[in-house]
Amino acid sequence: MTATTIETPPRVFRLGALELADPDASLSAEDALALYAPNFPQVQGATLAAPEFRADGTLVYPVERPTVKTKG
């Protein structure tokens, strides 16, 4: 009997032109992104779009900044 192993692909968070490596693969994508909030304030309030799968096997999560709200 053979054992089956499941490997999770590496994650990258794309913030504009900047790509941030996954700080902790054991966390959910949202929680891992929250670890960057002290150094990247624009991450606070941002949401993650659906991940894109690269040919090299990496999952790229685009970070979507919150929309600017105006009165009126």
C-alpha atoms as a PDB file:
ATOM      1  CA  MET A   1       0.000   0.000   0.000  1.00  0.00           C
ATOM      2  CA  THR A   2       1.395   3.390  -0.939  1.00  0.00           C
ATOM      3  CA  ALA A   3       0.890   6.591   0.968  1.00  0.00           C
ATOM      4  CA  THR A   4      -0.425   9.634  -0.813  1.00  0.00           C
ATOM      5  CA  THR A   5       0.987  13.020   0.080  1.00  0.00           C
ATOM      6  CA  ILE A   6      -0.667  16.302  -0.660  1.00  0.00           C
ATOM      7  CA  GLU A   7       1.587  19.258  -1.309  1.00  0.00           C
ATOM      8  CA  THR A   8       0.341  22.806  -1.161  1.00  0.00           C
ATOM      9  CA  PRO A   9       1.792  25.109  -3.799  1.00  0.00           C
ATOM     10  CA  PRO A  10       3.814  28.110  -2.644  1.00  0.00           C
ATOM     11  CA  ARG A  11       1.842  31.362  -2.341  1.00  0.00           C
ATOM     12  CA  VAL A  12       2.797  34.890  -3.336  1.00  0.00           C
ATOM     13  CA  PHE A  13       0.813  38.064  -2.634  1.00  0.00           C
ATOM     14  CA  ARG A  14       0.884  40.654  -5.432  1.00  0.00           C
ATOM     15  CA  LEU A  15       0.519  44.220  -4.221  1.00  0.00           C
ATOM     16  CA  GLY A  16       0.691  46.361  -7.362  1.00  0.00           C
ATOM     17  CA  ALA A  17       4.081  45.603  -8.940  1.00  0.00           C
ATOM     18  CA  LEU A  18       5.441  44.219  -5.658  1.00  0.00           C
ATOM     19  CA  GLU A  19       5.286  40.510  -4.881  1.00  0.00           C
ATOM     20  CA  LEU A  20       5.394  39.485  -1.231  1.00  0.00           C
ATOM     21  CA  ALA A  21       6.442  35.981  -0.228  1.00  0.00           C
ATOM     22  CA  ASP A  22       4.160  33.933   1.996  1.00  0.00           C
ATOM     23  CA  PRO A  23       5.252  34.600   5.599  1.00  0.00           C
ATOM     24  CA  ASP A  24       3.559  31.483   7.023  1.00  0.00           C
ATOM     25  CA  ALA A  25       2.145  28.735   4.824  1.00  0.00           C
ATOM     26  CA  SER A  26       0.211  27.245   7.748  1.00  0.00           C
ATOM     27  CA  LEU A  27      -2.068  30.313   7.960  1.00  0.00           C
ATOM     28  CA  SER A  28      -5.000  31.143   5.734  1.00  0.00           C
ATOM     29  CA  ALA A  29      -4.208  33.541   2.896  1.00  0.00           C
ATOM     30  CA  GLU A  30      -6.013  36.400   4.679  1.00  0.00           C
ATOM     31  CA  ASP A  31      -4.183  35.807   7.963  1.00  0.00           C
ATOM     32  CA  ALA A  32      -0.819  35.521   6.204  1.00  0.00           C
ATOM     33  CA  LEU A  33      -1.441  38.814   4.396  1.00  0.00           C
ATOM     34  CA  ALA A  34      -2.378  40.479   7.704  1.00  0.00           C
ATOM     35  CA  LEU A  35       1.159  39.820   8.948  1.00  0.00           C
ATOM     36  CA  TYR A  36       2.383  42.398   6.410  1.00  0.00           C
ATOM     37  CA  ALA A  37       0.095  45.158   7.770  1.00  0.00           C
ATOM     38  CA  PRO A  38       2.710  46.769  10.072  1.00  0.00           C
ATOM     39  CA  ASN A  39       5.091  47.277   7.129  1.00  0.00           C
ATOM     40  CA  PHE A  40       2.521  47.845   4.386  1.00  0.00           C
ATOM     41  CA  PRO A  41      -0.394  49.946   5.725  1.00  0.00           C
ATOM     42  CA  GLN A  42      -2.254  49.681   2.411  1.00  0.00           C
ATOM     43  CA  VAL A  43      -2.854  46.003   3.223  1.00  0.00           C
ATOM     44  CA  GLN A  44      -5.239  46.964   6.030  1.00  0.00           C
ATOM     45  CA  GLY A  45      -8.757  46.781   4.668  1.00  0.00           C
ATOM     46  CA  ALA A  46      -7.603  45.156   1.432  1.00  0.00           C
ATOM     47  CA  THR A  47      -9.158  41.985   0.079  1.00  0.00           C
ATOM     48  CA  LEU A  48      -7.695  39.102  -1.849  1.00  0.00           C
ATOM     49  CA  ALA A  49      -8.874  38.313  -5.356  1.00  0.00           C
ATOM     50  CA  ALA A  50      -9.103  34.757  -6.647  1.00  0.00           C
ATOM     51  CA  PRO A  51      -5.634  33.235  -6.875  1.00  0.00           C
ATOM     52  CA  GLU A  52      -3.937  32.828 -10.225  1.00  0.00           C
ATOM     53  CA  PHE A  53      -1.968  29.658 -10.888  1.00  0.00           C
ATOM     54  CA  ARG A  54       1.403  30.198 -12.576  1.00  0.00           C
ATOM     55  CA  ALA A  55       3.109  27.662 -14.804  1.00  0.00           C
ATOM     56  CA  ASP A  56       5.844  27.224 -12.169  1.00  0.00           C
ATOM     57  CA  GLY A  57       3.231  25.977  -9.685  1.00  0.00           C
ATOM     58  CA  THR A  58       2.949  29.160  -7.615  1.00  0.00           C
ATOM     59  CA  LEU A  59      -0.398  30.567  -6.484  1.00  0.00           C
ATOM     60  CA  VAL A  60      -0.459  34.345  -6.880  1.00  0.00           C
ATOM     61  CA  TYR A  61      -3.035  36.199  -4.781  1.00  0.00           C
ATOM     62  CA  PRO A  62      -3.727  39.712  -6.125  1.00  0.00           C
ATOM     63  CA  VAL A  63      -4.302  42.176  -3.270  1.00  0.00           C
ATOM     64  CA  GLU A  64      -7.172  44.538  -4.044  1.00  0.00           C
ATOM     65  CA  ARG A  65      -7.082  47.828  -2.228  1.00  0.00           C
ATOM     66  CA  PRO A  66     -10.368  49.155  -0.868  1.00  0.00           C
ATOM     67  CA  THR A  67     -12.198  51.577  -3.098  1.00  0.00           C
ATOM     68  CA  VAL A  68     -12.001  55.243  -2.235  1.00  0.00           C
ATOM     69  CA  LYS A  69     -15.305  56.516  -0.864  1.00  0.00           C
ATOM     70  CA  THR A  70     -16.401  60.071  -1.402  1.00  0.00           C
ATOM     71  CA  LYS A  71     -19.316  61.951   0.035  1.00  0.00           C
ATOM     72  CA  GLY A  72     -21.912  63.320  -2.266  1.00  0.00           C
END
